[in-house]
Amino acid sequence: MADIELKNRGLFNHPASLVITSFGIADIVGTLLLYLPWCHRGDLSLLDALFTSTSAICVTGLTVVDTSTKFTLPGQWIILLLIQVGGLGVMTFSVLFTMGIQKRLRLSSQFLIQENFLHLKAATLKSLIATILLFTLTCEGILALMMTVSFIPDVTKPGDALFYGIFHAVSAFCNAGFCILPSGLELYRYDFPVCLSIMVGIFLGSTGFAIIYELWQKLYGKSARQLSLHFKITMITHILLMIAGTVGILFWEYHNILDGLPFSSKILVSAFHSVSVRTAGFNTIPISQFTENSMYLMILLMFIGACPSSTGGGIKTTTLAVLFATAWSRLRGFNNTVVFKRTVPESQVNRAVTLFILAVITVLGAHMLLMSVGTKLTYDRAQGEFLAYLFEAVSGLGTVGLSTGITPELGSAGKCTMIAIMFAGRVGLLSILSILTMARGRNRQYHYSTEKVMIG
């Protein structure tokens, strides 16, 4: 009995439990607030309020109702707050609250924060939190000012332009993809100031606090050490994926949705969607108008997602880099994973493989479930239901928020499926796995005899 109580106590105090519990509580509170009569117009079901709250706290951006018309100004402020909390992480706010009460944190709490936000040891936990908040608020403030100036000519009240600027700056930096403009971003598809502002916000938010912190220490902290392996593989993969996405969309859409546009506008549209599709979810052209080749490319980019310790989702750029490095290292005859003359620990390789397998299984299971419970699509589209539902499943798990337009048509079962997918994508599949593992027991210290199996 004592062992069971000890295990349950350890399970409750597990770092992943704190993450899941925090997001769950914030999601419930957000749902109840959005369900209040003065936060929405007309009828709003509790399920639709839960879907919107989950999408906001998980910085996904999928919607079953029109955010700009369905929710009142207080409701939109609640959505904005949920996006900000979800982007920075409920866990960060919990630590700030605890620091204000206890003056110092337990060792387990310090480990939790540094594991989720930093691969290098910070001087103090307070300096790490301060860097995160300062960087976030500074970026969002500058972006809000830039977008407010761009929106002023298109609105009758300067106050509306300011609110639009603040909302979309937070939504872009947190990679949420929520848009409250009456006509969406389609009117700004060729507007360089607006598109570039959103792209910069997405890039900064999806790059990861760890990268920003290391770069800050290198430039202003007078650090003599070389850039870490994490920094190198993260930024190389991050930039290559953006370039590949831009080139791919430009190639496949050159004579389709980009036909007849000036070359500069073609580059802008292609680059915008390449940056946004990784995890943000903004779009200036309806996704249903893209060719199947472009949509397939988008699915791959959404599945990969952003960088670790960022506001974005997906399996992360480093996971992809480690998997490719492992395969390349084996082909070169190395027994370990070698990158830039450094060896990646086997534990991290196993973590990457596990995360990749879990993500594939989750996407395939969610896709099959959506195909089974989803309603029959009622409008014409270039893509079939198979690709449309696959796009939806990957978008939910990667907390991207892009859709071919089928989200409002999902039935109750389909909405519940997407809520579960978005939540799993935000808290992290490995967090859920670690909870299940600890519930069954701690790491096994014994080994069974070895026996070979045929591979390939």
Protein backbone atom coordinates (compact mmCIF):
# COMPACT_ATOMS: atom_id res chain seq x y z
CA MET A 1 0.00 0.00 0.00
CA ALA A 2 2.83 2.38 0.85
CA ASP A 3 4.45 1.73 -2.55
CA ILE A 4 1.19 2.49 -4.33
CA GLU A 5 0.75 5.75 -2.41
CA LEU A 6 4.35 6.73 -3.19
CA LYS A 7 3.85 6.03 -6.89
CA ASN A 8 0.63 8.03 -6.98
CA ARG A 9 2.31 10.92 -5.17
CA GLY A 10 5.17 10.80 -7.65
CA LEU A 11 2.73 10.65 -10.54
CA PHE A 12 0.91 13.71 -9.26
CA ASN A 13 4.18 15.65 -8.89
CA HIS A 14 5.51 14.56 -12.28
CA PRO A 15 6.51 17.58 -14.44
CA ALA A 16 4.29 16.41 -17.30
CA SER A 17 1.33 16.27 -14.91
CA LEU A 18 1.81 19.94 -14.13
CA VAL A 19 1.80 20.83 -17.83
CA ILE A 20 -1.31 18.78 -18.64
CA THR A 21 -3.20 19.92 -15.54
CA SER A 22 -2.37 23.58 -16.12
CA PHE A 23 -3.54 23.55 -19.71
CA GLY A 24 -6.63 21.55 -18.78
CA ILE A 25 -7.69 24.02 -16.08
CA ALA A 26 -7.02 27.01 -18.34
CA ASP A 27 -9.06 25.35 -21.10
CA ILE A 28 -12.05 24.80 -18.80
CA VAL A 29 -11.92 28.36 -17.46
CA GLY A 30 -11.71 29.72 -21.02
CA THR A 31 -14.68 27.62 -22.09
CA LEU A 32 -16.86 28.90 -19.26
CA LEU A 33 -15.88 32.52 -19.95
CA LEU A 34 -16.60 32.27 -23.68
CA TYR A 35 -19.94 30.64 -22.90
CA LEU A 36 -21.09 33.70 -20.94
CA PRO A 37 -23.92 35.56 -22.75
CA TRP A 38 -22.02 38.85 -23.07
CA CYS A 39 -18.98 37.16 -24.67
CA HIS A 40 -20.73 35.95 -27.82
CA ARG A 41 -23.54 36.92 -30.17
CA GLY A 42 -26.51 34.65 -30.76
CA ASP A 43 -26.49 31.01 -29.77
CA LEU A 44 -23.21 29.29 -28.92
CA SER A 45 -23.16 25.65 -27.85
CA LEU A 46 -20.97 24.57 -24.97
CA LEU A 47 -19.10 22.24 -27.36
CA ASP A 48 -18.31 25.13 -29.72
CA ALA A 49 -17.13 27.22 -26.75
CA LEU A 50 -14.89 24.32 -25.67
CA PHE A 51 -13.56 23.92 -29.21
CA THR A 52 -12.71 27.63 -29.46
CA SER A 53 -11.11 27.71 -26.00
CA THR A 54 -9.03 24.59 -26.74
CA SER A 55 -7.94 26.00 -30.10
CA ALA A 56 -6.88 29.27 -28.41
CA ILE A 57 -5.07 27.81 -25.39
CA CYS A 58 -3.36 25.28 -27.67
CA VAL A 59 -2.47 28.14 -30.09
CA THR A 60 -3.98 26.19 -32.97
CA GLY A 61 -6.40 28.53 -34.72
CA LEU A 62 -8.99 26.05 -35.97
CA THR A 63 -12.48 27.49 -35.58
CA VAL A 64 -16.02 26.18 -35.90
CA VAL A 65 -17.52 29.69 -35.75
CA ASP A 66 -16.40 33.03 -37.18
CA THR A 67 -14.24 34.67 -34.51
CA SER A 68 -14.76 38.18 -35.89
CA THR A 69 -18.58 38.08 -35.87
CA LYS A 70 -19.55 35.43 -33.31
CA PHE A 71 -17.65 36.82 -30.34
CA THR A 72 -18.08 40.25 -28.79
CA LEU A 73 -15.16 42.49 -27.84
CA PRO A 74 -14.91 40.91 -24.33
CA GLY A 75 -14.98 37.47 -25.94
CA GLN A 76 -12.20 38.40 -28.33
CA TRP A 77 -10.13 39.74 -25.43
CA ILE A 78 -10.61 36.39 -23.66
CA ILE A 79 -9.44 34.57 -26.78
CA LEU A 80 -6.44 36.90 -26.94
CA LEU A 81 -5.60 36.16 -23.30
CA LEU A 82 -5.92 32.41 -23.88
CA ILE A 83 -3.57 32.67 -26.87
CA GLN A 84 -1.00 34.59 -24.82
CA VAL A 85 -1.20 32.13 -21.93
CA GLY A 86 -1.00 29.16 -24.27
CA GLY A 87 1.91 30.63 -26.22
CA LEU A 88 4.09 31.36 -23.22
CA GLY A 89 2.85 28.30 -21.39
CA VAL A 90 0.62 28.04 -18.36
CA MET A 91 3.63 26.53 -16.65
CA THR A 92 5.62 29.77 -16.94
CA PHE A 93 2.86 31.80 -15.35
CA SER A 94 2.57 29.18 -12.59
CA VAL A 95 6.28 29.54 -11.85
CA LEU A 96 6.05 33.33 -11.75
CA PHE A 97 3.18 33.05 -9.29
CA THR A 98 5.11 30.56 -7.17
CA MET A 99 8.24 32.73 -7.22
CA GLY A 100 6.21 35.64 -5.91
CA ILE A 101 4.96 33.58 -2.98
CA GLN A 102 7.85 31.30 -2.05
CA LYS A 103 10.81 33.49 -3.11
CA ARG A 104 12.55 30.40 -4.44
CA LEU A 105 11.47 27.23 -6.22
CA ARG A 106 11.98 23.60 -5.39
CA LEU A 107 14.73 21.90 -7.36
CA SER A 108 12.19 19.81 -9.30
CA SER A 109 10.37 22.97 -10.44
CA GLN A 110 13.63 24.58 -11.59
CA PHE A 111 14.47 21.46 -13.57
CA LEU A 112 11.01 21.49 -15.13
CA ILE A 113 11.33 25.04 -16.45
CA GLN A 114 14.87 24.65 -17.79
CA GLU A 115 14.00 21.35 -19.49
CA ASN A 116 11.14 22.98 -21.38
CA PHE A 117 12.74 26.30 -22.29
CA LEU A 118 16.51 25.87 -22.36
CA HIS A 119 19.15 23.32 -23.37
CA LEU A 120 21.91 25.32 -21.65
CA LYS A 121 22.17 26.10 -17.96
CA ALA A 122 20.89 29.58 -17.18
CA ALA A 123 22.62 31.79 -14.67
CA THR A 124 19.42 31.96 -12.63
CA LEU A 125 15.89 30.87 -13.22
CA LYS A 126 14.74 34.45 -12.76
CA SER A 127 17.01 35.64 -15.56
CA LEU A 128 15.58 32.96 -17.84
CA ILE A 129 11.98 33.91 -17.10
CA ALA A 130 12.81 37.62 -17.43
CA THR A 131 14.43 37.02 -20.82
CA ILE A 132 11.40 35.09 -22.06
CA LEU A 133 8.90 37.74 -20.96
CA LEU A 134 11.00 40.69 -22.09
CA PHE A 135 11.61 39.17 -25.51
CA THR A 136 7.94 38.23 -25.92
CA LEU A 137 6.50 41.59 -24.88
CA THR A 138 9.07 43.53 -26.90
CA CYS A 139 8.40 41.56 -30.08
CA GLU A 140 4.64 41.74 -29.67
CA GLY A 141 4.76 45.46 -28.90
CA ILE A 142 6.81 46.30 -32.00
CA LEU A 143 4.68 44.05 -34.23
CA ALA A 144 1.46 45.54 -32.82
CA LEU A 145 2.68 49.06 -33.64
CA MET A 146 3.68 48.08 -37.18
CA MET A 147 0.36 46.38 -37.92
CA THR A 148 -1.69 49.14 -36.32
CA VAL A 149 -0.16 51.63 -38.74
CA SER A 150 -0.98 49.29 -41.63
CA PHE A 151 -4.61 48.81 -40.53
CA ILE A 152 -5.43 52.50 -39.89
CA PRO A 153 -6.33 53.34 -43.55
CA ASP A 154 -8.82 50.44 -43.67
CA VAL A 155 -10.87 51.17 -40.51
CA THR A 156 -13.08 54.04 -39.40
CA LYS A 157 -11.91 54.13 -35.78
CA PRO A 158 -8.21 54.28 -34.77
CA GLY A 159 -9.10 52.23 -31.69
CA ASP A 160 -10.16 49.33 -33.93
CA ALA A 161 -6.84 49.47 -35.77
CA LEU A 162 -4.99 49.37 -32.44
CA PHE A 163 -6.96 46.35 -31.25
CA TYR A 164 -6.48 44.58 -34.57
CA GLY A 165 -2.75 45.30 -34.35
CA ILE A 166 -2.44 43.97 -30.79
CA PHE A 167 -4.56 40.88 -31.48
CA HIS A 168 -2.75 39.82 -34.63
CA ALA A 169 0.69 40.61 -33.17
CA VAL A 170 0.01 38.24 -30.26
CA SER A 171 -1.62 35.69 -32.54
CA ALA A 172 1.37 35.77 -34.91
CA PHE A 173 4.09 35.60 -32.27
CA CYS A 174 2.27 32.82 -30.41
CA ASN A 175 1.74 31.02 -33.74
CA ALA A 176 -2.00 30.83 -33.08
CA GLY A 177 -3.41 31.84 -36.46
CA PHE A 178 -6.57 33.48 -35.08
CA CYS A 179 -7.80 36.37 -37.22
CA ILE A 180 -10.56 38.85 -36.31
CA LEU A 181 -10.46 41.03 -39.42
CA PRO A 182 -13.95 41.09 -40.98
CA SER A 183 -12.59 39.94 -44.34
CA GLY A 184 -9.65 37.97 -42.98
CA LEU A 185 -6.18 38.41 -44.43
CA GLU A 186 -7.22 37.81 -48.03
CA LEU A 187 -7.37 41.55 -48.76
CA TYR A 188 -3.76 41.82 -47.57
CA ARG A 189 -2.34 38.96 -49.65
CA TYR A 190 -0.19 41.40 -51.66
CA ASP A 191 0.38 43.88 -48.83
CA PHE A 192 4.08 43.65 -47.99
CA PRO A 193 4.00 45.52 -44.62
CA VAL A 194 1.19 43.38 -43.17
CA CYS A 195 2.43 40.05 -44.55
CA LEU A 196 6.06 40.68 -43.60
CA SER A 197 5.06 41.79 -40.08
CA ILE A 198 3.11 38.57 -39.54
CA MET A 199 5.91 36.48 -41.05
CA VAL A 200 8.49 38.06 -38.72
CA GLY A 201 6.23 37.43 -35.73
CA ILE A 202 5.73 33.79 -36.73
CA PHE A 203 9.46 33.28 -37.29
CA LEU A 204 10.44 34.77 -33.93
CA GLY A 205 7.81 32.81 -32.04
CA SER A 206 8.55 29.51 -33.77
CA THR A 207 12.33 29.75 -33.45
CA GLY A 208 12.33 28.94 -29.75
CA PHE A 209 13.32 30.69 -26.55
CA ALA A 210 16.42 28.49 -26.24
CA ILE A 211 17.84 29.86 -29.48
CA ILE A 212 17.05 33.45 -28.52
CA TYR A 213 18.59 33.02 -25.08
CA GLU A 214 21.79 31.50 -26.47
CA LEU A 215 22.09 34.19 -29.12
CA TRP A 216 21.53 36.89 -26.48
CA GLN A 217 24.24 35.39 -24.27
CA LYS A 218 26.60 35.19 -27.24
CA LEU A 219 26.07 38.79 -28.36
CA TYR A 220 25.55 40.62 -25.09
CA GLY A 221 26.61 38.21 -22.36
CA LYS A 222 30.20 38.10 -23.63
CA SER A 223 30.08 34.32 -23.82
CA ALA A 224 33.31 32.83 -25.15
CA ARG A 225 31.86 29.41 -25.93
CA GLN A 226 30.97 28.41 -29.47
CA LEU A 227 27.40 28.09 -30.64
CA SER A 228 25.90 24.85 -29.42
CA LEU A 229 25.00 21.86 -31.57
CA HIS A 230 21.36 22.52 -30.73
CA PHE A 231 21.63 26.04 -32.15
CA LYS A 232 23.29 24.87 -35.36
CA ILE A 233 20.96 22.02 -36.28
CA THR A 234 17.87 23.97 -35.20
CA MET A 235 18.57 27.05 -37.30
CA ILE A 236 19.86 25.14 -40.34
CA THR A 237 16.76 22.92 -40.39
CA HIS A 238 14.47 25.87 -39.62
CA ILE A 239 15.74 27.97 -42.52
CA LEU A 240 16.01 25.10 -45.02
CA LEU A 241 12.39 24.13 -44.39
CA MET A 242 11.22 27.70 -45.04
CA ILE A 243 13.20 27.84 -48.28
CA ALA A 244 11.97 24.42 -49.40
CA GLY A 245 8.36 25.35 -48.65
CA THR A 246 8.62 28.62 -50.57
CA VAL A 247 10.19 26.97 -53.61
CA GLY A 248 7.70 24.08 -53.57
CA ILE A 249 4.60 26.28 -53.35
CA LEU A 250 5.99 28.66 -55.98
CA PHE A 251 6.70 25.74 -58.34
CA TRP A 252 3.34 24.00 -58.00
CA GLU A 253 1.19 27.14 -57.87
CA TYR A 254 3.05 29.22 -60.47
CA HIS A 255 0.39 28.54 -63.13
CA ASN A 256 -2.46 28.00 -60.67
CA ILE A 257 -3.36 30.51 -57.92
CA LEU A 258 -0.23 32.58 -58.64
CA ASP A 259 -0.89 32.81 -62.36
CA GLY A 260 -0.87 36.37 -63.68
CA LEU A 261 0.66 37.95 -60.58
CA PRO A 262 3.87 39.99 -60.55
CA PHE A 263 6.86 37.87 -59.59
CA SER A 264 7.33 39.80 -56.34
CA SER A 265 3.74 38.98 -55.32
CA LYS A 266 4.28 35.33 -56.22
CA ILE A 267 7.30 35.21 -53.93
CA LEU A 268 5.39 36.97 -51.14
CA VAL A 269 2.41 34.60 -51.27
CA SER A 270 4.64 31.51 -51.47
CA ALA A 271 6.94 32.64 -48.65
CA PHE A 272 4.02 33.70 -46.43
CA HIS A 273 2.36 30.30 -46.62
CA SER A 274 5.66 28.46 -46.26
CA VAL A 275 6.35 30.30 -42.99
CA SER A 276 2.77 30.14 -41.74
CA VAL A 277 2.02 26.52 -42.58
CA ARG A 278 4.72 25.16 -40.28
CA THR A 279 2.69 26.01 -37.19
CA ALA A 280 0.98 29.43 -37.31
CA GLY A 281 -2.06 28.84 -39.50
CA PHE A 282 -2.56 32.23 -41.18
CA ASN A 283 -3.50 32.16 -44.84
CA THR A 284 -4.11 34.85 -47.45
CA ILE A 285 -5.53 32.41 -49.99
CA PRO A 286 -8.15 29.71 -49.20
CA ILE A 287 -6.34 26.42 -48.68
CA SER A 288 -8.93 24.60 -50.79
CA GLN A 289 -7.66 26.50 -53.85
CA PHE A 290 -4.14 25.03 -53.62
CA THR A 291 -3.21 22.02 -55.74
CA GLU A 292 -2.90 18.60 -54.14
CA ASN A 293 0.88 18.73 -54.55
CA SER A 294 1.07 21.93 -52.52
CA MET A 295 -1.30 20.54 -49.90
CA TYR A 296 0.82 17.41 -49.57
CA LEU A 297 3.88 19.60 -49.04
CA MET A 298 1.96 21.60 -46.44
CA ILE A 299 1.01 18.40 -44.60
CA LEU A 300 4.69 17.45 -44.33
CA LEU A 301 5.63 20.94 -43.11
CA MET A 302 2.80 20.97 -40.56
CA PHE A 303 3.85 17.55 -39.27
CA ILE A 304 7.43 18.78 -38.71
CA GLY A 305 6.35 22.05 -37.11
CA ALA A 306 8.43 24.58 -35.23
CA CYS A 307 11.57 24.48 -33.08
CA PRO A 308 11.78 23.17 -29.50
CA SER A 309 10.87 25.52 -26.61
CA SER A 310 8.88 27.69 -29.01
CA THR A 311 5.24 28.70 -29.22
CA GLY A 312 4.70 26.26 -32.11
CA GLY A 313 3.85 22.58 -32.33
CA GLY A 314 4.72 19.58 -34.50
CA ILE A 315 7.40 16.96 -33.90
CA LYS A 316 9.92 19.86 -34.02
CA THR A 317 12.82 20.62 -36.35
CA THR A 318 15.42 18.95 -34.13
CA THR A 319 13.51 15.67 -34.22
CA LEU A 320 13.68 15.67 -38.01
CA ALA A 321 17.36 16.66 -37.94
CA VAL A 322 18.28 13.90 -35.47
CA LEU A 323 16.41 11.26 -37.48
CA PHE A 324 18.17 12.25 -40.71
CA ALA A 325 21.51 12.51 -38.92
CA THR A 326 21.04 9.03 -37.47
CA ALA A 327 20.32 7.51 -40.87
CA TRP A 328 23.26 9.36 -42.46
CA SER A 329 25.59 8.34 -39.64
CA ARG A 330 24.65 4.68 -40.04
CA LEU A 331 25.28 4.89 -43.80
CA ARG A 332 28.72 6.31 -43.08
CA GLY A 333 29.54 3.45 -40.72
CA PHE A 334 29.14 5.20 -37.35
CA ASN A 335 27.52 3.30 -34.51
CA ASN A 336 26.35 6.58 -32.96
CA THR A 337 24.58 9.65 -34.35
CA VAL A 338 27.25 12.15 -35.38
CA VAL A 339 26.57 15.78 -36.38
CA PHE A 340 29.22 18.47 -36.88
CA LYS A 341 31.83 16.21 -35.25
CA ARG A 342 29.65 15.84 -32.16
CA THR A 343 27.84 12.74 -30.90
CA VAL A 344 24.15 13.04 -30.07
CA PRO A 345 23.34 11.04 -26.88
CA GLU A 346 21.56 7.77 -27.57
CA SER A 347 18.80 8.75 -25.16
CA GLN A 348 17.91 11.75 -27.33
CA VAL A 349 17.97 9.63 -30.48
CA ASN A 350 15.56 7.21 -28.83
CA ARG A 351 13.39 10.15 -27.79
CA ALA A 352 13.25 11.42 -31.36
CA VAL A 353 12.34 7.99 -32.74
CA THR A 354 9.66 7.52 -30.09
CA LEU A 355 8.16 10.94 -30.74
CA PHE A 356 8.10 10.36 -34.50
CA ILE A 357 6.38 6.98 -34.16
CA LEU A 358 3.83 8.34 -31.67
CA ALA A 359 3.04 11.27 -33.96
CA VAL A 360 2.56 9.03 -37.00
CA ILE A 361 0.29 6.64 -35.08
CA THR A 362 -1.72 9.55 -33.65
CA VAL A 363 -2.19 11.21 -37.04
CA LEU A 364 -3.22 7.98 -38.75
CA GLY A 365 -5.61 7.09 -35.93
CA ALA A 366 -7.14 10.58 -35.89
CA HIS A 367 -7.46 10.59 -39.67
CA MET A 368 -9.23 7.24 -39.66
CA LEU A 369 -11.54 8.40 -36.87
CA LEU A 370 -12.39 11.64 -38.69
CA MET A 371 -13.12 9.71 -41.87
CA SER A 372 -15.46 7.46 -39.86
CA VAL A 373 -17.35 10.08 -37.83
CA GLY A 374 -16.96 13.13 -40.05
CA THR A 375 -19.95 14.41 -41.95
CA LYS A 376 -20.26 14.24 -45.72
CA LEU A 377 -18.71 17.37 -47.22
CA THR A 378 -21.41 19.50 -48.82
CA TYR A 379 -19.47 21.81 -51.14
CA ASP A 380 -17.21 21.36 -54.14
CA ARG A 381 -13.46 21.31 -53.71
CA ALA A 382 -10.42 20.40 -55.74
CA GLN A 383 -9.33 17.89 -53.11
CA GLY A 384 -11.12 14.73 -52.03
CA GLU A 385 -12.33 13.94 -48.52
CA PHE A 386 -9.32 11.72 -47.80
CA LEU A 387 -6.80 14.52 -48.24
CA ALA A 388 -9.07 17.11 -46.60
CA TYR A 389 -9.46 15.05 -43.41
CA LEU A 390 -5.75 14.15 -43.37
CA PHE A 391 -4.93 17.85 -43.65
CA GLU A 392 -7.29 18.55 -40.74
CA ALA A 393 -5.77 15.85 -38.52
CA VAL A 394 -2.17 16.97 -39.11
CA SER A 395 -3.16 20.61 -38.66
CA GLY A 396 -4.71 19.81 -35.27
CA LEU A 397 -1.81 17.73 -33.97
CA GLY A 398 0.74 20.27 -35.19
CA THR A 399 -1.34 23.09 -33.61
CA VAL A 400 -1.29 24.84 -36.98
CA GLY A 401 -4.91 25.79 -37.53
CA LEU A 402 -5.05 25.73 -41.32
CA SER A 403 -8.04 23.98 -42.84
CA THR A 404 -9.53 23.30 -46.23
CA GLY A 405 -12.79 24.64 -44.81
CA ILE A 406 -14.29 21.49 -43.33
CA THR A 407 -13.92 22.43 -39.64
CA PRO A 408 -17.37 24.07 -39.28
CA GLU A 409 -18.95 21.01 -40.93
CA LEU A 410 -17.61 18.56 -38.36
CA GLY A 411 -20.26 16.85 -36.25
CA SER A 412 -20.09 16.53 -32.47
CA ALA A 413 -17.90 13.41 -32.66
CA GLY A 414 -15.57 15.09 -35.16
CA LYS A 415 -15.26 18.21 -32.98
CA CYS A 416 -14.46 16.09 -29.90
CA THR A 417 -11.82 14.24 -31.92
CA MET A 418 -10.20 17.50 -32.99
CA ILE A 419 -10.30 18.85 -29.42
CA ALA A 420 -8.38 15.78 -28.22
CA ILE A 421 -5.89 16.08 -31.10
CA MET A 422 -5.22 19.78 -30.46
CA PHE A 423 -4.75 19.20 -26.73
CA ALA A 424 -2.37 16.30 -27.32
CA GLY A 425 -0.42 18.35 -29.84
CA ARG A 426 0.03 21.25 -27.41
CA VAL A 427 0.97 19.43 -24.20
CA GLY A 428 3.20 17.09 -26.18
CA LEU A 429 2.92 13.41 -26.97
CA LEU A 430 6.03 12.63 -24.93
CA SER A 431 4.47 14.30 -21.88
CA ILE A 432 1.47 12.02 -22.18
CA LEU A 433 3.72 9.00 -22.73
CA SER A 434 5.80 9.82 -19.66
CA ILE A 435 2.62 9.98 -17.55
CA LEU A 436 1.48 6.56 -18.81
CA THR A 437 4.95 5.10 -18.28
CA MET A 438 5.14 6.34 -14.71
CA ALA A 439 1.64 5.06 -14.02
CA ARG A 440 2.79 1.56 -14.97
CA GLY A 441 6.08 1.73 -13.12
CA ARG A 442 9.55 3.17 -13.19
CA ASN A 443 12.30 2.34 -15.69
CA ARG A 444 13.12 -1.33 -15.85
CA GLN A 445 16.66 -2.00 -14.65
CA TYR A 446 16.84 -5.60 -15.87
CA HIS A 447 17.46 -6.94 -19.39
CA TYR A 448 16.26 -9.98 -21.30
CA SER A 449 18.43 -12.16 -23.52
CA THR A 450 19.18 -10.92 -27.04
CA GLU A 451 17.68 -12.47 -30.15
CA LYS A 452 17.94 -11.14 -33.71
CA VAL A 453 15.05 -10.43 -36.09
CA MET A 454 15.18 -9.82 -39.84
CA ILE A 455 14.99 -6.15 -40.87
CA GLY A 456 14.09 -5.02 -44.39
